Amino acid sequence: MDTTSRPTGEGHPFGYFTQSFLDEYDHEDIQRMVREYDPDKEFVLVMLKPKDRISTYRVQTTTMR
């Protein structure tokens, strides 16, 4: 998610990238989380922020019972 992007009515600040694309991204947290996550129940969220800051999160889905 690119939080530095401002909606213009076309598109949105969200995107999906393959693991092979992210393998080439030189960021320690992104590399670690992508290596460790379980794609059957998790996803990795990368937030691009102003001043070249990046936050990464590993999010797990749950089943409602």
Protein backbone atom coordinates (compact mmCIF):
# COMPACT_ATOMS: atom_id res chain seq x y z
CA MET A 1 0.00 0.00 0.00
CA ASP A 2 1.48 3.32 -1.06
CA THR A 3 0.34 5.86 1.54
CA THR A 4 2.17 8.62 -0.33
CA SER A 5 -0.19 8.23 -3.30
CA ARG A 6 -3.27 10.44 -3.45
CA PRO A 7 -6.37 9.04 -5.20
CA THR A 8 -7.27 10.83 -8.42
CA GLY A 9 -10.39 8.84 -9.20
CA GLU A 10 -8.38 6.31 -11.21
CA GLY A 11 -6.81 3.33 -9.52
CA HIS A 12 -5.88 3.05 -5.87
CA PRO A 13 -2.77 2.89 -3.66
CA PHE A 14 -2.97 -0.91 -3.26
CA GLY A 15 -1.07 -3.46 -5.31
CA TYR A 16 -0.17 -7.14 -5.33
CA PHE A 17 3.40 -8.26 -5.93
CA THR A 18 4.71 -11.77 -6.38
CA GLN A 19 7.31 -13.25 -4.07
CA SER A 20 9.85 -13.28 -6.91
CA PHE A 21 9.34 -9.52 -7.38
CA LEU A 22 9.84 -8.88 -3.66
CA ASP A 23 12.91 -11.13 -3.54
CA GLU A 24 14.69 -8.38 -5.44
CA TYR A 25 13.60 -5.65 -3.00
CA ASP A 26 16.47 -4.77 -0.66
CA HIS A 27 14.63 -4.42 2.67
CA GLU A 28 15.40 -6.73 5.59
CA ASP A 29 11.89 -6.88 7.13
CA ILE A 30 10.20 -7.47 3.78
CA GLN A 31 12.63 -10.29 2.94
CA ARG A 32 12.24 -11.95 6.34
CA MET A 33 8.43 -11.77 6.41
CA VAL A 34 8.02 -12.99 2.83
CA ARG A 35 10.35 -15.94 3.56
CA GLU A 36 8.46 -16.92 6.73
CA TYR A 37 4.78 -16.33 5.95
CA ASP A 38 2.26 -19.10 5.21
CA PRO A 39 0.42 -18.12 1.99
CA ASP A 40 -2.49 -20.43 2.85
CA LYS A 41 -3.50 -18.26 5.80
CA GLU A 42 -1.34 -15.12 5.85
CA PHE A 43 -0.29 -12.17 3.74
CA VAL A 44 2.46 -9.59 4.06
CA LEU A 45 1.40 -5.95 3.97
CA VAL A 46 4.03 -3.38 3.02
CA MET A 47 3.20 0.27 3.63
CA LEU A 48 5.24 2.87 1.76
CA LYS A 49 5.22 6.07 3.80
CA PRO A 50 6.41 9.66 3.38
CA LYS A 51 10.12 10.39 3.91
CA ASP A 52 11.09 6.97 2.45
CA ARG A 53 9.76 5.08 5.48
CA ILE A 54 8.46 1.51 5.15
CA SER A 55 6.37 -0.56 7.56
CA THR A 56 5.82 -4.29 7.09
CA TYR A 57 3.18 -6.49 8.72
CA ARG A 58 2.43 -10.19 8.57
CA VAL A 59 -1.34 -10.62 8.80
CA GLN A 60 -3.05 -13.93 9.53
CA THR A 61 -6.63 -14.70 8.59
CA THR A 62 -8.92 -16.50 11.00
CA THR A 63 -11.99 -18.62 10.52
CA MET A 64 -15.18 -17.42 12.18
CA ARG A 65 -17.03 -20.15 14.04
